[in-house]
N, C-alpha and C. Protein backbone atom coordinates (compact mmCIF):
# COMPACT_ATOMS: atom_id res chain seq x y z
N MET A 1 154.66 82.35 -56.59
CA MET A 1 154.41 81.51 -57.74
C MET A 1 155.74 81.20 -58.39
N ARG A 2 155.96 79.94 -58.64
CA ARG A 2 157.16 79.52 -59.35
C ARG A 2 156.72 78.93 -60.70
N VAL A 3 157.09 79.62 -61.78
CA VAL A 3 156.89 79.08 -63.12
C VAL A 3 158.25 78.48 -63.47
N HIS A 4 158.39 77.19 -63.23
CA HIS A 4 159.70 76.56 -63.31
C HIS A 4 160.32 76.73 -64.68
N GLY A 5 161.58 77.17 -64.68
CA GLY A 5 162.32 77.41 -65.90
C GLY A 5 162.09 78.79 -66.48
N THR A 6 161.18 79.59 -65.86
CA THR A 6 160.85 80.90 -66.41
C THR A 6 160.97 82.02 -65.40
N ARG A 7 160.19 81.93 -64.31
CA ARG A 7 160.11 83.07 -63.39
C ARG A 7 159.60 82.62 -62.03
N THR A 8 160.00 83.36 -61.00
CA THR A 8 159.45 83.19 -59.66
C THR A 8 158.91 84.53 -59.21
N THR A 9 157.69 84.54 -58.71
CA THR A 9 157.10 85.78 -58.21
C THR A 9 156.93 85.68 -56.71
N SER A 10 156.78 86.83 -56.08
CA SER A 10 156.58 86.88 -54.64
C SER A 10 155.46 87.87 -54.34
N GLY A 11 154.43 87.39 -53.67
CA GLY A 11 153.33 88.27 -53.29
C GLY A 11 152.25 88.37 -54.34
N LYS A 12 151.10 88.87 -53.91
CA LYS A 12 149.91 88.94 -54.76
C LYS A 12 150.11 89.86 -55.96
N ALA A 13 150.76 91.01 -55.78
CA ALA A 13 150.94 91.96 -56.88
C ALA A 13 151.77 91.36 -58.01
N GLU A 14 152.88 90.71 -57.68
CA GLU A 14 153.71 90.08 -58.71
C GLU A 14 152.98 88.92 -59.37
N PHE A 15 152.21 88.16 -58.57
CA PHE A 15 151.41 87.06 -59.12
C PHE A 15 150.42 87.61 -60.15
N ASP A 16 149.71 88.69 -59.79
CA ASP A 16 148.75 89.30 -60.71
C ASP A 16 149.43 89.79 -61.99
N ASP A 17 150.63 90.37 -61.86
CA ASP A 17 151.38 90.84 -63.03
C ASP A 17 151.73 89.68 -63.96
N GLU A 18 152.07 88.53 -63.41
CA GLU A 18 152.41 87.37 -64.25
C GLU A 18 151.16 86.83 -64.93
N ILE A 19 150.05 86.78 -64.22
CA ILE A 19 148.81 86.26 -64.79
C ILE A 19 148.32 87.17 -65.92
N GLU A 20 148.50 88.47 -65.77
CA GLU A 20 148.06 89.43 -66.80
C GLU A 20 149.27 89.99 -67.55
N ASN A 21 150.20 89.11 -67.90
CA ASN A 21 151.45 89.48 -68.56
C ASN A 21 151.18 90.17 -69.90
N PRO A 22 151.69 91.41 -70.10
CA PRO A 22 151.41 92.15 -71.33
C PRO A 22 152.07 91.56 -72.58
N ALA A 23 152.97 90.59 -72.43
CA ALA A 23 153.58 89.95 -73.59
C ALA A 23 152.61 89.02 -74.30
N PHE A 24 151.48 88.73 -73.66
CA PHE A 24 150.50 87.81 -74.22
C PHE A 24 149.19 88.53 -74.51
N GLU A 25 148.47 88.04 -75.49
CA GLU A 25 147.15 88.60 -75.83
C GLU A 25 146.08 87.80 -75.11
N GLY A 26 145.29 88.46 -74.31
CA GLY A 26 144.18 87.79 -73.62
C GLY A 26 144.66 86.72 -72.67
N SER A 27 143.74 85.84 -72.34
CA SER A 27 144.03 84.70 -71.46
C SER A 27 144.10 83.43 -72.28
N PRO A 28 144.95 82.48 -71.88
CA PRO A 28 144.99 81.22 -72.62
C PRO A 28 143.69 80.43 -72.43
N GLN A 29 143.37 79.63 -73.42
CA GLN A 29 142.24 78.71 -73.30
C GLN A 29 142.80 77.41 -72.71
N LEU A 30 142.33 77.06 -71.52
CA LEU A 30 142.83 75.89 -70.81
C LEU A 30 141.84 74.75 -70.85
N THR A 31 142.36 73.56 -71.03
CA THR A 31 141.58 72.33 -70.93
C THR A 31 142.12 71.56 -69.73
N VAL A 32 141.29 71.32 -68.74
CA VAL A 32 141.69 70.55 -67.56
C VAL A 32 141.50 69.07 -67.88
N GLU A 33 142.57 68.31 -67.74
CA GLU A 33 142.50 66.88 -68.00
C GLU A 33 142.38 66.07 -66.72
N ARG A 34 142.97 66.58 -65.64
CA ARG A 34 142.94 65.83 -64.38
C ARG A 34 143.11 66.78 -63.21
N THR A 35 142.37 66.53 -62.14
CA THR A 35 142.51 67.27 -60.89
C THR A 35 142.70 66.27 -59.76
N ILE A 36 143.71 66.50 -58.94
CA ILE A 36 143.99 65.64 -57.80
C ILE A 36 143.95 66.52 -56.56
N GLU A 37 143.15 66.13 -55.57
CA GLU A 37 143.00 66.95 -54.36
C GLU A 37 143.46 66.20 -53.12
N GLY A 38 144.17 66.92 -52.26
CA GLY A 38 144.58 66.43 -50.95
C GLY A 38 144.14 67.43 -49.91
N PRO A 39 144.49 67.21 -48.66
CA PRO A 39 144.03 68.11 -47.60
C PRO A 39 144.42 69.58 -47.82
N ASP A 40 145.66 69.84 -48.22
CA ASP A 40 146.14 71.22 -48.40
C ASP A 40 146.70 71.46 -49.79
N VAL A 41 146.44 70.53 -50.72
CA VAL A 41 147.06 70.59 -52.04
C VAL A 41 146.05 70.24 -53.12
N VAL A 42 146.13 70.98 -54.24
CA VAL A 42 145.36 70.64 -55.44
C VAL A 42 146.34 70.65 -56.61
N VAL A 43 146.32 69.59 -57.41
CA VAL A 43 147.16 69.51 -58.60
C VAL A 43 146.24 69.44 -59.81
N VAL A 44 146.52 70.28 -60.81
CA VAL A 44 145.71 70.32 -62.03
C VAL A 44 146.64 70.11 -63.21
N THR A 45 146.27 69.19 -64.11
CA THR A 45 147.04 68.97 -65.33
C THR A 45 146.13 69.20 -66.53
N GLY A 46 146.74 69.60 -67.63
CA GLY A 46 145.95 69.80 -68.84
C GLY A 46 146.77 70.37 -69.97
N THR A 47 146.06 70.93 -70.94
CA THR A 47 146.69 71.56 -72.10
C THR A 47 146.09 72.94 -72.29
N GLY A 48 146.78 73.76 -73.08
CA GLY A 48 146.29 75.10 -73.31
C GLY A 48 146.75 75.65 -74.65
N VAL A 49 146.07 76.70 -75.07
CA VAL A 49 146.40 77.43 -76.29
C VAL A 49 146.45 78.91 -75.91
N GLY A 50 147.52 79.57 -76.28
CA GLY A 50 147.66 80.99 -75.99
C GLY A 50 148.21 81.73 -77.18
N ARG A 51 148.38 83.04 -77.02
CA ARG A 51 148.94 83.84 -78.10
C ARG A 51 149.93 84.85 -77.52
N HIS A 52 151.18 84.72 -77.96
CA HIS A 52 152.23 85.65 -77.59
C HIS A 52 152.21 86.80 -78.60
N ARG A 53 152.34 88.03 -78.13
CA ARG A 53 152.24 89.20 -79.02
C ARG A 53 153.28 89.18 -80.14
N GLU A 54 154.47 88.69 -79.89
CA GLU A 54 155.52 88.68 -80.91
C GLU A 54 155.63 87.33 -81.62
N ALA A 55 155.54 86.23 -80.89
CA ALA A 55 155.77 84.89 -81.46
C ALA A 55 154.50 84.26 -82.04
N GLY A 56 153.33 84.81 -81.72
CA GLY A 56 152.08 84.27 -82.25
C GLY A 56 151.50 83.17 -81.38
N PRO A 57 150.64 82.33 -81.99
CA PRO A 57 149.95 81.30 -81.21
C PRO A 57 150.88 80.16 -80.78
N PHE A 58 150.55 79.56 -79.65
CA PHE A 58 151.32 78.42 -79.15
C PHE A 58 150.41 77.49 -78.36
N THR A 59 150.79 76.23 -78.30
CA THR A 59 150.07 75.24 -77.49
C THR A 59 151.04 74.71 -76.43
N PHE A 60 150.49 74.26 -75.33
CA PHE A 60 151.34 73.80 -74.24
C PHE A 60 150.59 72.80 -73.37
N ALA A 61 151.36 72.01 -72.63
CA ALA A 61 150.83 71.14 -71.58
C ALA A 61 151.26 71.76 -70.27
N TYR A 62 150.42 71.65 -69.25
CA TYR A 62 150.76 72.27 -67.96
C TYR A 62 150.41 71.35 -66.80
N ASN A 63 151.06 71.64 -65.68
CA ASN A 63 150.82 70.97 -64.41
C ASN A 63 150.96 72.05 -63.35
N ASP A 64 149.88 72.37 -62.67
CA ASP A 64 149.91 73.39 -61.62
C ASP A 64 149.64 72.73 -60.27
N HIS A 65 150.47 73.07 -59.30
CA HIS A 65 150.41 72.50 -57.96
C HIS A 65 150.14 73.64 -56.99
N PHE A 66 148.95 73.66 -56.37
CA PHE A 66 148.54 74.72 -55.45
C PHE A 66 148.63 74.21 -54.03
N THR A 67 149.31 74.95 -53.16
CA THR A 67 149.38 74.63 -51.74
C THR A 67 148.59 75.70 -50.98
N PHE A 68 147.71 75.24 -50.10
CA PHE A 68 146.83 76.15 -49.35
C PHE A 68 147.22 76.19 -47.88
N ARG A 69 147.09 77.38 -47.29
CA ARG A 69 147.23 77.57 -45.84
C ARG A 69 146.09 78.47 -45.41
N ASP A 70 145.34 78.05 -44.41
CA ASP A 70 144.19 78.82 -43.92
C ASP A 70 143.22 79.17 -45.05
N ASP A 71 142.95 78.20 -45.92
CA ASP A 71 142.01 78.33 -47.04
C ASP A 71 142.43 79.37 -48.09
N LEU A 72 143.70 79.78 -48.09
CA LEU A 72 144.22 80.70 -49.10
C LEU A 72 145.36 80.03 -49.86
N ALA A 73 145.48 80.33 -51.14
CA ALA A 73 146.59 79.80 -51.93
C ALA A 73 147.88 80.43 -51.42
N ALA A 74 148.76 79.62 -50.85
CA ALA A 74 150.01 80.10 -50.29
C ALA A 74 151.17 79.94 -51.26
N GLU A 75 151.10 78.90 -52.09
CA GLU A 75 152.16 78.64 -53.06
C GLU A 75 151.55 78.07 -54.32
N VAL A 76 152.16 78.42 -55.46
CA VAL A 76 151.77 77.85 -56.75
C VAL A 76 153.04 77.44 -57.46
N ASP A 77 153.13 76.17 -57.84
CA ASP A 77 154.23 75.69 -58.67
C ASP A 77 153.63 75.35 -60.02
N SER A 78 154.16 75.94 -61.08
CA SER A 78 153.62 75.76 -62.41
C SER A 78 154.70 75.23 -63.35
N TYR A 79 154.36 74.16 -64.05
CA TYR A 79 155.25 73.57 -65.05
C TYR A 79 154.51 73.63 -66.38
N ALA A 80 155.16 74.17 -67.40
CA ALA A 80 154.55 74.23 -68.72
C ALA A 80 155.57 73.80 -69.77
N VAL A 81 155.09 73.03 -70.74
CA VAL A 81 155.95 72.54 -71.81
C VAL A 81 155.28 72.85 -73.13
N SER A 82 156.03 73.47 -74.06
CA SER A 82 155.47 73.77 -75.38
C SER A 82 155.20 72.48 -76.14
N LEU A 83 154.10 72.47 -76.88
CA LEU A 83 153.76 71.32 -77.71
C LEU A 83 153.87 71.72 -79.18
N PRO A 84 154.20 70.76 -80.03
CA PRO A 84 154.29 71.08 -81.47
C PRO A 84 152.95 71.44 -82.08
C-alpha cells in the first residue's frame, strides 16, 4: 500500500497496521462519490471525516486505486488531501 506523501507498506501485516493506525480514533466515515472499474483495477474517489487522537477531527478527499492479481488486491495506491 502506498499512501502517497505519507507512507508505504509491504505485506498484509503492515497494511493491517496502517488501516488500524492507533494515532486515529475508530474508522473514518467515507462517502464514495465515484467508482471506476477495469479488468484488474478499481478506482474509488470520495470524501471522508476522521478523528486524529492529538489533532482532533479532520475532513479529506481521497482517491484509492486497487490493482488485483488472481482476484486478490495486489497493490493499493491511496491519495488523500485535507479539506478545510
